[in-house]
């Protein structure tokens, strides 16, 4: 089984070769296994794809399904009021769930270490 770094490198190679679906899968694998640059890149992809309420519903569905990067992006939408009413309380809750699932960006925003505990 490839390490998160190897998954990230495989993603880059697949994208470079024009294999977007395979690249996306490797990027998700790396992100879901704690690779911070992969989490950041995947969050940017999710955020860029948000153009309608239907896109937001898809993001919410992914977040409810346990996708911690989707949870992080949903929190950002709640903070910014993008396609949804601003709600800081819900954003903090979503960040907390994402952090508990290993999302390092959410952990950093909440001031928590990689283990999810308080600093």
PDB file of N, CA and C in Angstrom:
ATOM      1  N   UNK A   1       0.849  -1.185   0.000  1.00  0.00           N
ATOM      2  CA  UNK A   1       0.000   0.000   0.000  1.00  0.00           C
ATOM      3  C   UNK A   1       0.891   1.244   0.000  1.00  0.00           C
ATOM      4  N   UNK A   2       0.629   2.166  -0.923  1.00  0.00           N
ATOM      5  CA  UNK A   2       1.470   3.363  -1.002  1.00  0.00           C
ATOM      6  C   UNK A   2       1.295   4.269   0.218  1.00  0.00           C
ATOM      7  N   UNK A   3       2.348   4.978   0.567  1.00  0.00           N
ATOM      8  CA  UNK A   3       2.270   5.972   1.638  1.00  0.00           C
ATOM      9  C   UNK A   3       1.505   7.192   1.118  1.00  0.00           C
ATOM     10  N   UNK A   4       1.064   8.073   2.022  1.00  0.00           N
ATOM     11  CA  UNK A   4       0.386   9.291   1.555  1.00  0.00           C
ATOM     12  C   UNK A   4       1.260  10.115   0.599  1.00  0.00           C
ATOM     13  N   UNK A   5       2.534  10.188   0.863  1.00  0.00           N
ATOM     14  CA  UNK A   5       3.432  10.937  -0.032  1.00  0.00           C
ATOM     15  C   UNK A   5       3.504  10.273  -1.403  1.00  0.00           C
ATOM     16  N   UNK A   6       3.576   8.955  -1.427  1.00  0.00           N
ATOM     17  CA  UNK A   6       3.593   8.239  -2.708  1.00  0.00           C
ATOM     18  C   UNK A   6       2.279   8.429  -3.463  1.00  0.00           C
ATOM     19  N   UNK A   7       1.152   8.418  -2.727  1.00  0.00           N
ATOM     20  CA  UNK A   7      -0.147   8.670  -3.355  1.00  0.00           C
ATOM     21  C   UNK A   7      -0.171  10.068  -3.989  1.00  0.00           C
ATOM     22  N   UNK A   8       0.368  11.034  -3.264  1.00  0.00           N
ATOM     23  CA  UNK A   8       0.412  12.410  -3.754  1.00  0.00           C
ATOM     24  C   UNK A   8       1.250  12.498  -5.029  1.00  0.00           C
ATOM     25  N   UNK A   9       2.377  11.820  -5.031  1.00  0.00           N
ATOM     26  CA  UNK A   9       3.243  11.802  -6.219  1.00  0.00           C
ATOM     27  C   UNK A   9       2.568  11.073  -7.381  1.00  0.00           C
ATOM     28  N   UNK A  10       1.864   9.983  -7.086  1.00  0.00           N
ATOM     29  CA  UNK A  10       1.111   9.274  -8.122  1.00  0.00           C
ATOM     30  C   UNK A  10       0.018  10.172  -8.700  1.00  0.00           C
ATOM     31  N   UNK A  11      -0.620  10.951  -7.835  1.00  0.00           N
ATOM     32  CA  UNK A  11      -1.652  11.887  -8.301  1.00  0.00           C
ATOM     33  C   UNK A  11      -1.061  12.879  -9.287  1.00  0.00           C
ATOM     34  N   UNK A  12       0.070  13.447  -8.927  1.00  0.00           N
ATOM     35  CA  UNK A  12       0.714  14.424  -9.812  1.00  0.00           C
ATOM     36  C   UNK A  12       1.057  13.800 -11.161  1.00  0.00           C
ATOM     37  N   UNK A  13       1.574  12.582 -11.125  1.00  0.00           N
ATOM     38  CA  UNK A  13       1.943  11.893 -12.367  1.00  0.00           C
ATOM     39  C   UNK A  13       0.713  11.613 -13.227  1.00  0.00           C
ATOM     40  N   UNK A  14      -0.369  11.192 -12.599  1.00  0.00           N
ATOM     41  CA  UNK A  14      -1.593  10.896 -13.348  1.00  0.00           C
ATOM     42  C   UNK A  14      -2.187  12.172 -13.958  1.00  0.00           C
ATOM     43  N   UNK A  15      -2.216  13.246 -13.184  1.00  0.00           N
ATOM     44  CA  UNK A  15      -2.723  14.507 -13.725  1.00  0.00           C
ATOM     45  C   UNK A  15      -1.862  14.980 -14.891  1.00  0.00           C
ATOM     46  N   UNK A  16      -0.558  14.859 -14.735  1.00  0.00           N
ATOM     47  CA  UNK A  16       0.366  15.281 -15.793  1.00  0.00           C
ATOM     48  C   UNK A  16       0.155  14.454 -17.066  1.00  0.00           C
ATOM     49  N   UNK A  17      -0.181  13.175 -16.894  1.00  0.00           N
ATOM     50  CA  UNK A  17      -0.406  12.284 -18.035  1.00  0.00           C
ATOM     51  C   UNK A  17      -1.816  12.447 -18.627  1.00  0.00           C
ATOM     52  N   UNK A  18      -2.622  13.325 -18.012  1.00  0.00           N
ATOM     53  CA  UNK A  18      -3.965  13.550 -18.526  1.00  0.00           C
ATOM     54  C   UNK A  18      -5.013  12.600 -17.989  1.00  0.00           C
ATOM     55  N   UNK A  19      -4.680  11.857 -16.952  1.00  0.00           N
ATOM     56  CA  UNK A  19      -5.603  10.883 -16.348  1.00  0.00           C
ATOM     57  C   UNK A  19      -6.232  11.485 -15.087  1.00  0.00           C
ATOM     58  N   UNK A  20      -7.201  12.376 -15.294  1.00  0.00           N
ATOM     59  CA  UNK A  20      -7.774  13.131 -14.182  1.00  0.00           C
ATOM     60  C   UNK A  20      -8.462  12.243 -13.151  1.00  0.00           C
ATOM     61  N   UNK A  21      -9.212  11.245 -13.583  1.00  0.00           N
ATOM     62  CA  UNK A  21      -9.930  10.396 -12.631  1.00  0.00           C
ATOM     63  C   UNK A  21      -8.970   9.639 -11.720  1.00  0.00           C
ATOM     64  N   UNK A  22      -7.918   9.076 -12.315  1.00  0.00           N
ATOM     65  CA  UNK A  22      -6.932   8.351 -11.505  1.00  0.00           C
ATOM     66  C   UNK A  22      -6.162   9.317 -10.598  1.00  0.00           C
ATOM     67  N   UNK A  23      -5.839  10.490 -11.127  1.00  0.00           N
ATOM     68  CA  UNK A  23      -5.147  11.492 -10.322  1.00  0.00           C
ATOM     69  C   UNK A  23      -5.983  11.924  -9.132  1.00  0.00           C
ATOM     70  N   UNK A  24      -7.283  12.132  -9.374  1.00  0.00           N
ATOM     71  CA  UNK A  24      -8.176  12.541  -8.293  1.00  0.00           C
ATOM     72  C   UNK A  24      -8.265  11.466  -7.209  1.00  0.00           C
ATOM     73  N   UNK A  25      -8.305  10.208  -7.614  1.00  0.00           N
ATOM     74  CA  UNK A  25      -8.376   9.133  -6.629  1.00  0.00           C
ATOM     75  C   UNK A  25      -7.114   9.082  -5.771  1.00  0.00           C
ATOM     76  N   UNK A  26      -5.955   9.217  -6.395  1.00  0.00           N
ATOM     77  CA  UNK A  26      -4.701   9.236  -5.620  1.00  0.00           C
ATOM     78  C   UNK A  26      -4.646  10.456  -4.702  1.00  0.00           C
ATOM     79  N   UNK A  27      -5.147  11.598  -5.195  1.00  0.00           N
ATOM     80  CA  UNK A  27      -5.161  12.814  -4.376  1.00  0.00           C
ATOM     81  C   UNK A  27      -6.070  12.613  -3.162  1.00  0.00           C
ATOM     82  N   UNK A  28      -7.253  12.003  -3.369  1.00  0.00           N
ATOM     83  CA  UNK A  28      -8.151  11.713  -2.246  1.00  0.00           C
ATOM     84  C   UNK A  28      -7.489  10.757  -1.257  1.00  0.00           C
ATOM     85  N   UNK A  29      -6.837   9.721  -1.773  1.00  0.00           N
ATOM     86  CA  UNK A  29      -6.163   8.757  -0.887  1.00  0.00           C
ATOM     87  C   UNK A  29      -5.124   9.458  -0.018  1.00  0.00           C
ATOM     88  N   UNK A  30      -4.337  10.314  -0.628  1.00  0.00           N
ATOM     89  CA  UNK A  30      -3.302  11.035   0.127  1.00  0.00           C
ATOM     90  C   UNK A  30      -3.946  11.962   1.151  1.00  0.00           C
ATOM     91  N   UNK A  31      -4.977  12.702   0.734  1.00  0.00           N
ATOM     92  CA  UNK A  31      -5.644  13.655   1.625  1.00  0.00           C
ATOM     93  C   UNK A  31      -6.281  12.955   2.810  1.00  0.00           C
ATOM     94  N   UNK A  32      -6.979  11.854   2.548  1.00  0.00           N
ATOM     95  CA  UNK A  32      -7.686  11.156   3.613  1.00  0.00           C
ATOM     96  C   UNK A  32      -6.734  10.457   4.570  1.00  0.00           C
ATOM     97  N   UNK A  33      -5.474  10.343   4.186  1.00  0.00           N
ATOM     98  CA  UNK A  33      -4.470   9.735   5.058  1.00  0.00           C
ATOM     99  C   UNK A  33      -3.527  10.764   5.654  1.00  0.00           C
ATOM    100  N   UNK A  34      -3.990  12.031   5.716  1.00  0.00           N
ATOM    101  CA  UNK A  34      -3.271  13.047   6.469  1.00  0.00           C
ATOM    102  C   UNK A  34      -2.236  13.860   5.728  1.00  0.00           C
ATOM    103  N   UNK A  35      -2.120  13.732   4.427  1.00  0.00           N
ATOM    104  CA  UNK A  35      -1.129  14.486   3.662  1.00  0.00           C
ATOM    105  C   UNK A  35      -1.626  15.921   3.496  1.00  0.00           C
ATOM    106  N   UNK A  36      -0.991  16.870   4.181  1.00  0.00           N
ATOM    107  CA  UNK A  36      -1.463  18.247   4.226  1.00  0.00           C
ATOM    108  C   UNK A  36      -1.542  18.912   2.849  1.00  0.00           C
ATOM    109  N   UNK A  37      -0.513  18.834   2.005  1.00  0.00           N
ATOM    110  CA  UNK A  37      -0.659  19.460   0.682  1.00  0.00           C
ATOM    111  C   UNK A  37      -1.800  18.849  -0.136  1.00  0.00           C
ATOM    112  N   UNK A  38      -2.037  17.555   0.011  1.00  0.00           N
ATOM    113  CA  UNK A  38      -3.145  16.911  -0.696  1.00  0.00           C
ATOM    114  C   UNK A  38      -4.476  17.408  -0.147  1.00  0.00           C
ATOM    115  N   UNK A  39      -4.573  17.557   1.174  1.00  0.00           N
ATOM    116  CA  UNK A  39      -5.796  18.092   1.765  1.00  0.00           C
ATOM    117  C   UNK A  39      -6.063  19.493   1.245  1.00  0.00           C
ATOM    118  N   UNK A  40      -5.027  20.306   1.187  1.00  0.00           N
ATOM    119  CA  UNK A  40      -5.164  21.679   0.695  1.00  0.00           C
ATOM    120  C   UNK A  40      -5.606  21.684  -0.767  1.00  0.00           C
ATOM    121  N   UNK A  41      -4.972  20.881  -1.575  1.00  0.00           N
ATOM    122  CA  UNK A  41      -5.311  20.831  -2.997  1.00  0.00           C
ATOM    123  C   UNK A  41      -6.731  20.341  -3.212  1.00  0.00           C
ATOM    124  N   UNK A  42      -7.128  19.305  -2.502  1.00  0.00           N
ATOM    125  CA  UNK A  42      -8.471  18.763  -2.645  1.00  0.00           C
ATOM    126  C   UNK A  42      -9.510  19.784  -2.171  1.00  0.00           C
ATOM    127  N   UNK A  43      -9.222  20.488  -1.095  1.00  0.00           N
ATOM    128  CA  UNK A  43     -10.134  21.525  -0.612  1.00  0.00           C
ATOM    129  C   UNK A  43     -10.299  22.617  -1.673  1.00  0.00           C
ATOM    130  N   UNK A  44      -9.210  22.989  -2.332  1.00  0.00           N
ATOM    131  CA  UNK A  44      -9.290  24.002  -3.394  1.00  0.00           C
ATOM    132  C   UNK A  44     -10.148  23.511  -4.554  1.00  0.00           C
ATOM    133  N   UNK A  45     -10.027  22.238  -4.894  1.00  0.00           N
ATOM    134  CA  UNK A  45     -10.842  21.663  -5.971  1.00  0.00           C
ATOM    135  C   UNK A  45     -12.317  21.709  -5.573  1.00  0.00           C
ATOM    136  N   UNK A  46     -12.624  21.240  -4.365  1.00  0.00           N
ATOM    137  CA  UNK A  46     -14.007  21.256  -3.893  1.00  0.00           C
ATOM    138  C   UNK A  46     -14.557  22.682  -3.911  1.00  0.00           C
ATOM    139  N   UNK A  47     -13.783  23.629  -3.382  1.00  0.00           N
ATOM    140  CA  UNK A  47     -14.231  25.006  -3.270  1.00  0.00           C
ATOM    141  C   UNK A  47     -14.458  25.608  -4.660  1.00  0.00           C
ATOM    142  N   UNK A  48     -13.579  25.310  -5.593  1.00  0.00           N
ATOM    143  CA  UNK A  48     -13.709  25.836  -6.959  1.00  0.00           C
ATOM    144  C   UNK A  48     -14.947  25.292  -7.656  1.00  0.00           C
ATOM    145  N   UNK A  49     -15.372  24.096  -7.294  1.00  0.00           N
ATOM    146  CA  UNK A  49     -16.526  23.467  -7.933  1.00  0.00           C
ATOM    147  C   UNK A  49     -17.858  23.984  -7.393  1.00  0.00           C
ATOM    148  N   UNK A  50     -17.834  24.768  -6.316  1.00  0.00           N
ATOM    149  CA  UNK A  50     -19.066  25.267  -5.714  1.00  0.00           C
ATOM    150  C   UNK A  50     -19.592  26.468  -6.491  1.00  0.00           C
ATOM    151  N   UNK A  51     -20.585  26.208  -7.319  1.00  0.00           N
ATOM    152  CA  UNK A  51     -21.151  27.277  -8.131  1.00  0.00           C
ATOM    153  C   UNK A  51     -22.662  27.404  -7.947  1.00  0.00           C
ATOM    154  N   UNK A  52     -23.282  26.410  -7.344  1.00  0.00           N
ATOM    155  CA  UNK A  52     -24.739  26.421  -7.200  1.00  0.00           C
ATOM    156  C   UNK A  52     -25.144  25.747  -5.884  1.00  0.00           C
ATOM    157  N   UNK A  53     -26.420  25.894  -5.563  1.00  0.00           N
ATOM    158  CA  UNK A  53     -26.950  25.231  -4.366  1.00  0.00           C
ATOM    159  C   UNK A  53     -26.868  23.712  -4.514  1.00  0.00           C
ATOM    160  N   UNK A  54     -26.989  23.230  -5.747  1.00  0.00           N
ATOM    161  CA  UNK A  54     -26.859  21.783  -5.994  1.00  0.00           C
ATOM    162  C   UNK A  54     -25.443  21.311  -5.660  1.00  0.00           C
ATOM    163  N   UNK A  55     -24.452  22.115  -6.025  1.00  0.00           N
ATOM    164  CA  UNK A  55     -23.064  21.788  -5.679  1.00  0.00           C
ATOM    165  C   UNK A  55     -22.893  21.764  -4.161  1.00  0.00           C
ATOM    166  N   UNK A  56     -23.532  22.720  -3.494  1.00  0.00           N
ATOM    167  CA  UNK A  56     -23.472  22.772  -2.038  1.00  0.00           C
ATOM    168  C   UNK A  56     -24.112  21.531  -1.428  1.00  0.00           C
ATOM    169  N   UNK A  57     -25.226  21.096  -2.004  1.00  0.00           N
ATOM    170  CA  UNK A  57     -25.890  19.879  -1.517  1.00  0.00           C
ATOM    171  C   UNK A  57     -24.974  18.664  -1.683  1.00  0.00           C
ATOM    172  N   UNK A  58     -24.258  18.602  -2.795  1.00  0.00           N
ATOM    173  CA  UNK A  58     -23.301  17.502  -3.006  1.00  0.00           C
ATOM    174  C   UNK A  58     -22.189  17.556  -1.965  1.00  0.00           C
ATOM    175  N   UNK A  59     -21.702  18.761  -1.673  1.00  0.00           N
ATOM    176  CA  UNK A  59     -20.648  18.927  -0.666  1.00  0.00           C
ATOM    177  C   UNK A  59     -21.159  18.501   0.705  1.00  0.00           C
ATOM    178  N   UNK A  60     -22.380  18.922   1.049  1.00  0.00           N
ATOM    179  CA  UNK A  60     -22.958  18.539   2.334  1.00  0.00           C
ATOM    180  C   UNK A  60     -23.127  17.025   2.431  1.00  0.00           C
ATOM    181  N   UNK A  61     -23.513  16.404   1.336  1.00  0.00           N
ATOM    182  CA  UNK A  61     -23.673  14.948   1.316  1.00  0.00           C
ATOM    183  C   UNK A  61     -22.327  14.259   1.554  1.00  0.00           C
ATOM    184  N   UNK A  62     -21.289  14.755   0.907  1.00  0.00           N
ATOM    185  CA  UNK A  62     -19.948  14.182   1.105  1.00  0.00           C
ATOM    186  C   UNK A  62     -19.495  14.386   2.547  1.00  0.00           C
ATOM    187  N   UNK A  63     -19.783  15.550   3.103  1.00  0.00           N
ATOM    188  CA  UNK A  63     -19.410  15.836   4.495  1.00  0.00           C
ATOM    189  C   UNK A  63     -20.145  14.891   5.448  1.00  0.00           C
ATOM    190  N   UNK A  64     -21.429  14.684   5.209  1.00  0.00           N
ATOM    191  CA  UNK A  64     -22.212  13.773   6.050  1.00  0.00           C
ATOM    192  C   UNK A  64     -21.745  12.333   5.894  1.00  0.00           C
ATOM    193  N   UNK A  65     -21.155  12.028   4.743  1.00  0.00           N
ATOM    194  CA  UNK A  65     -20.640  10.692   4.491  1.00  0.00           C
ATOM    195  C   UNK A  65     -19.269  10.448   5.093  1.00  0.00           C
ATOM    196  N   UNK A  66     -18.716  11.461   5.771  1.00  0.00           N
ATOM    197  CA  UNK A  66     -17.437  11.282   6.449  1.00  0.00           C
ATOM    198  C   UNK A  66     -16.229  11.838   5.734  1.00  0.00           C
ATOM    199  N   UNK A  67     -16.424  12.581   4.654  1.00  0.00           N
ATOM    200  CA  UNK A  67     -15.311  13.182   3.919  1.00  0.00           C
ATOM    201  C   UNK A  67     -14.843  14.417   4.687  1.00  0.00           C
ATOM    202  N   UNK A  68     -13.714  14.302   5.401  1.00  0.00           N
ATOM    203  CA  UNK A  68     -13.264  15.400   6.259  1.00  0.00           C
ATOM    204  C   UNK A  68     -12.818  16.618   5.468  1.00  0.00           C
ATOM    205  N   UNK A  69     -12.396  16.459   4.228  1.00  0.00           N
ATOM    206  CA  UNK A  69     -12.047  17.624   3.412  1.00  0.00           C
ATOM    207  C   UNK A  69     -13.328  18.373   3.038  1.00  0.00           C
ATOM    208  N   UNK A  70     -14.390  17.643   2.728  1.00  0.00           N
ATOM    209  CA  UNK A  70     -15.681  18.273   2.446  1.00  0.00           C
ATOM    210  C   UNK A  70     -16.196  19.006   3.690  1.00  0.00           C
ATOM    211  N   UNK A  71     -16.012  18.420   4.863  1.00  0.00           N
ATOM    212  CA  UNK A  71     -16.392  19.090   6.113  1.00  0.00           C
ATOM    213  C   UNK A  71     -15.641  20.401   6.271  1.00  0.00           C
ATOM    214  N   UNK A  72     -14.350  20.378   5.987  1.00  0.00           N
ATOM    215  CA  UNK A  72     -13.537  21.584   6.087  1.00  0.00           C
ATOM    216  C   UNK A  72     -14.045  22.649   5.122  1.00  0.00           C
ATOM    217  N   UNK A  73     -14.326  22.264   3.880  1.00  0.00           N
ATOM    218  CA  UNK A  73     -14.805  23.223   2.880  1.00  0.00           C
ATOM    219  C   UNK A  73     -16.184  23.744   3.269  1.00  0.00           C
ATOM    220  N   UNK A  74     -17.039  22.880   3.787  1.00  0.00           N
ATOM    221  CA  UNK A  74     -18.348  23.316   4.259  1.00  0.00           C
ATOM    222  C   UNK A  74     -18.192  24.356   5.371  1.00  0.00           C
ATOM    223  N   UNK A  75     -17.252  24.141   6.265  1.00  0.00           N
ATOM    224  CA  UNK A  75     -16.984  25.115   7.325  1.00  0.00           C
ATOM    225  C   UNK A  75     -16.561  26.455   6.722  1.00  0.00           C
ATOM    226  N   UNK A  76     -15.723  26.417   5.701  1.00  0.00           N
ATOM    227  CA  UNK A  76     -15.288  27.658   5.055  1.00  0.00           C
ATOM    228  C   UNK A  76     -16.477  28.373   4.403  1.00  0.00           C
ATOM    229  N   UNK A  77     -17.382  27.610   3.817  1.00  0.00           N
ATOM    230  CA  UNK A  77     -18.589  28.202   3.216  1.00  0.00           C
ATOM    231  C   UNK A  77     -19.438  28.875   4.290  1.00  0.00           C
ATOM    232  N   UNK A  78     -19.554  28.233   5.450  1.00  0.00           N
ATOM    233  CA  UNK A  78     -20.327  28.793   6.551  1.00  0.00           C
ATOM    234  C   UNK A  78     -19.668  30.053   7.107  1.00  0.00           C
ATOM    235  N   UNK A  79     -18.355  30.086   7.126  1.00  0.00           N
ATOM    236  CA  UNK A  79     -17.632  31.258   7.613  1.00  0.00           C
ATOM    237  C   UNK A  79     -17.790  32.429   6.641  1.00  0.00           C
ATOM    238  N   UNK A  80     -17.690  32.138   5.346  1.00  0.00           N
ATOM    239  CA  UNK A  80     -17.734  33.182   4.325  1.00  0.00           C
ATOM    240  C   UNK A  80     -19.146  33.518   3.856  1.00  0.00           C
ATOM    241  N   UNK A  81     -20.100  32.647   4.118  1.00  0.00           N
ATOM    242  CA  UNK A  81     -21.446  32.847   3.608  1.00  0.00           C
ATOM    243  C   UNK A  81     -21.546  32.543   2.124  1.00  0.00           C
ATOM    244  N   UNK A  82     -20.765  31.589   1.667  1.00  0.00           N
ATOM    245  CA  UNK A  82     -20.772  31.222   0.250  1.00  0.00           C
ATOM    246  C   UNK A  82     -21.861  30.178  -0.013  1.00  0.00           C
ATOM    247  N   UNK A  83     -22.880  30.566  -0.747  1.00  0.00           N
ATOM    248  CA  UNK A  83     -24.030  29.733  -1.108  1.00  0.00           C
ATOM    249  C   UNK A  83     -24.838  29.267   0.105  1.00  0.00           C
ATOM    250  N   UNK A  84     -24.563  29.830   1.264  1.00  0.00           N
ATOM    251  CA  UNK A  84     -25.218  29.422   2.498  1.00  0.00           C
ATOM    252  C   UNK A  84     -25.118  30.601   3.463  1.00  0.00           C
ATOM    253  N   UNK A  85     -26.060  30.698   4.381  1.00  0.00           N
ATOM    254  CA  UNK A  85     -26.002  31.770   5.373  1.00  0.00           C
ATOM    255  C   UNK A  85     -24.776  31.581   6.270  1.00  0.00           C
ATOM    256  N   UNK A  86     -24.152  32.712   6.623  1.00  0.00           N
ATOM    257  CA  UNK A  86     -23.022  32.641   7.547  1.00  0.00           C
ATOM    258  C   UNK A  86     -23.494  32.082   8.882  1.00  0.00           C
ATOM    259  N   UNK A  87     -22.681  31.173   9.441  1.00  0.00           N
ATOM    260  CA  UNK A  87     -23.022  30.585  10.734  1.00  0.00           C
ATOM    261  C   UNK A  87     -21.733  30.089  11.384  1.00  0.00           C
ATOM    262  N   UNK A  88     -21.173  30.925  12.228  1.00  0.00           N
ATOM    263  CA  UNK A  88     -19.893  30.606  12.864  1.00  0.00           C
ATOM    264  C   UNK A  88     -19.988  29.384  13.763  1.00  0.00           C
ATOM    265  N   UNK A  89     -21.094  29.248  14.472  1.00  0.00           N
ATOM    266  CA  UNK A  89     -21.250  28.091  15.370  1.00  0.00           C
ATOM    267  C   UNK A  89     -21.223  26.777  14.585  1.00  0.00           C
ATOM    268  N   UNK A  90     -21.987  26.725  13.484  1.00  0.00           N
ATOM    269  CA  UNK A  90     -21.987  25.514  12.660  1.00  0.00           C
ATOM    270  C   UNK A  90     -20.617  25.292  12.027  1.00  0.00           C
ATOM    271  N   UNK A  91     -19.939  26.384  11.666  1.00  0.00           N
ATOM    272  CA  UNK A  91     -18.605  26.266  11.069  1.00  0.00           C
ATOM    273  C   UNK A  91     -17.628  25.638  12.062  1.00  0.00           C
ATOM    274  N   UNK A  92     -17.671  26.087  13.305  1.00  0.00           N
ATOM    275  CA  UNK A  92     -16.775  25.541  14.333  1.00  0.00           C
ATOM    276  C   UNK A  92     -17.083  24.067  14.575  1.00  0.00           C
ATOM    277  N   UNK A  93     -18.367  23.718  14.569  1.00  0.00           N
ATOM    278  CA  UNK A  93     -18.755  22.313  14.741  1.00  0.00           C
ATOM    279  C   UNK A  93     -18.203  21.472  13.592  1.00  0.00           C
ATOM    280  N   UNK A  94     -18.371  21.965  12.358  1.00  0.00           N
ATOM    281  CA  UNK A  94     -17.855  21.230  11.188  1.00  0.00           C
ATOM    282  C   UNK A  94     -16.334  21.116  11.243  1.00  0.00           C
ATOM    283  N   UNK A  95     -15.661  22.187  11.643  1.00  0.00           N
ATOM    284  CA  UNK A  95     -14.198  22.131  11.779  1.00  0.00           C
ATOM    285  C   UNK A  95     -13.795  21.107  12.829  1.00  0.00           C
ATOM    286  N   UNK A  96     -14.540  21.060  13.932  1.00  0.00           N
ATOM    287  CA  UNK A  96     -14.242  20.086  14.983  1.00  0.00           C
ATOM    288  C   UNK A  96     -14.361  18.657  14.495  1.00  0.00           C
ATOM    289  N   UNK A  97     -15.420  18.378  13.736  1.00  0.00           N
ATOM    290  CA  UNK A  97     -15.587  17.028  13.187  1.00  0.00           C
ATOM    291  C   UNK A  97     -14.470  16.704  12.190  1.00  0.00           C
ATOM    292  N   UNK A  98     -14.131  17.676  11.352  1.00  0.00           N
ATOM    293  CA  UNK A  98     -13.052  17.457  10.380  1.00  0.00           C
ATOM    294  C   UNK A  98     -11.728  17.210  11.101  1.00  0.00           C
ATOM    295  N   UNK A  99     -11.465  17.991  12.138  1.00  0.00           N
ATOM    296  CA  UNK A  99     -10.222  17.833  12.903  1.00  0.00           C
ATOM    297  C   UNK A  99     -10.157  16.455  13.559  1.00  0.00           C
ATOM    298  N   UNK A 100     -11.280  15.997  14.107  1.00  0.00           N
ATOM    299  CA  UNK A 100     -11.327  14.674  14.747  1.00  0.00           C
ATOM    300  C   UNK A 100     -11.040  13.568  13.741  1.00  0.00           C
ATOM    301  N   UNK A 101     -11.371  13.810  12.478  1.00  0.00           N
ATOM    302  CA  UNK A 101     -11.154  12.804  11.440  1.00  0.00           C
ATOM    303  C   UNK A 101      -9.770  12.920  10.805  1.00  0.00           C
ATOM    304  N   UNK A 102      -8.942  13.820  11.320  1.00  0.00           N
ATOM    305  CA  UNK A 102      -7.565  13.913  10.837  1.00  0.00           C
ATOM    306  C   UNK A 102      -7.286  15.021   9.849  1.00  0.00           C
ATOM    307  N   UNK A 103      -8.233  15.943   9.684  1.00  0.00           N
ATOM    308  CA  UNK A 103      -7.984  17.045   8.757  1.00  0.00           C
ATOM    309  C   UNK A 103      -7.047  18.045   9.417  1.00  0.00           C
ATOM    310  N   UNK A 104      -5.839  18.114   8.893  1.00  0.00           N
ATOM    311  CA  UNK A 104      -4.807  18.941   9.505  1.00  0.00           C
ATOM    312  C   UNK A 104      -5.080  20.429   9.342  1.00  0.00           C
ATOM    313  N   UNK A 105      -5.783  20.832   8.281  1.00  0.00           N
ATOM    314  CA  UNK A 105      -6.126  22.246   8.110  1.00  0.00           C
ATOM    315  C   UNK A 105      -7.124  22.668   9.183  1.00  0.00           C
ATOM    316  N   UNK A 106      -8.104  21.823   9.461  1.00  0.00           N
ATOM    317  CA  UNK A 106      -9.084  22.107  10.511  1.00  0.00           C
ATOM    318  C   UNK A 106      -8.402  22.121  11.877  1.00  0.00           C
ATOM    319  N   UNK A 107      -7.505  21.182  12.100  1.00  0.00           N
ATOM    320  CA  UNK A 107      -6.769  21.146  13.368  1.00  0.00           C
ATOM    321  C   UNK A 107      -6.000  22.443  13.573  1.00  0.00           C
ATOM    322  N   UNK A 108      -5.366  22.930  12.516  1.00  0.00           N
ATOM    323  CA  UNK A 108      -4.583  24.168  12.618  1.00  0.00           C
ATOM    324  C   UNK A 108      -5.506  25.358  12.910  1.00  0.00           C
ATOM    325  N   UNK A 109      -6.655  25.415  12.248  1.00  0.00           N
ATOM    326  CA  UNK A 109      -7.580  26.521  12.478  1.00  0.00           C
ATOM    327  C   UNK A 109      -8.120  26.539  13.903  1.00  0.00           C
ATOM    328  N   UNK A 110      -8.283  25.352  14.471  1.00  0.00           N
ATOM    329  CA  UNK A 110      -8.800  25.248  15.830  1.00  0.00           C
ATOM    330  C   UNK A 110      -7.694  25.284  16.880  1.00  0.00           C
ATOM    331  N   UNK A 111      -6.439  25.343  16.423  1.00  0.00           N
ATOM    332  CA  UNK A 111      -5.317  25.374  17.342  1.00  0.00           C
ATOM    333  C   UNK A 111      -5.046  24.066  18.027  1.00  0.00           C
ATOM    334  N   UNK A 112      -5.363  22.975  17.315  1.00  0.00           N
ATOM    335  CA  UNK A 112      -5.157  21.642  17.886  1.00  0.00           C
ATOM    336  C   UNK A 112      -4.008  20.960  17.183  1.00  0.00           C
ATOM    337  N   UNK A 113      -3.346  20.064  17.889  1.00  0.00           N
ATOM    338  CA  UNK A 113      -2.246  19.296  17.304  1.00  0.00           C
ATOM    339  C   UNK A 113      -2.762  18.186  16.406  1.00  0.00           C
ATOM    340  N   UNK A 114      -1.848  17.471  15.774  1.00  0.00           N
ATOM    341  CA  UNK A 114      -2.187  16.403  14.833  1.00  0.00           C
ATOM    342  C   UNK A 114      -3.011  15.305  15.500  1.00  0.00           C
ATOM    343  N   UNK A 115      -2.882  15.145  16.804  1.00  0.00           N
ATOM    344  CA  UNK A 115      -3.652  14.119  17.496  1.00  0.00           C
ATOM    345  C   UNK A 115      -5.064  14.573  17.824  1.00  0.00           C
ATOM    346  N   UNK A 116      -5.368  15.833  17.535  1.00  0.00           N
ATOM    347  CA  UNK A 116      -6.700  16.346  17.788  1.00  0.00           C
ATOM    348  C   UNK A 116      -6.899  16.865  19.208  1.00  0.00           C
ATOM    349  N   UNK A 117      -5.847  16.812  20.035  1.00  0.00           N
ATOM    350  CA  UNK A 117      -5.959  17.302  21.396  1.00  0.00           C
ATOM    351  C   UNK A 117      -5.623  18.771  21.477  1.00  0.00           C
ATOM    352  N   UNK A 118      -5.817  19.337  22.655  1.00  0.00           N
ATOM    353  CA  UNK A 118      -5.500  20.750  22.836  1.00  0.00           C
ATOM    354  C   UNK A 118      -3.995  20.912  22.917  1.00  0.00           C
ATOM    355  N   UNK A 119      -3.493  22.078  22.447  1.00  0.00           N
ATOM    356  CA  UNK A 119      -2.035  22.307  22.469  1.00  0.00           C
ATOM    357  C   UNK A 119      -1.488  22.421  23.863  1.00  0.00           C
TER     358      UNK A 119
END
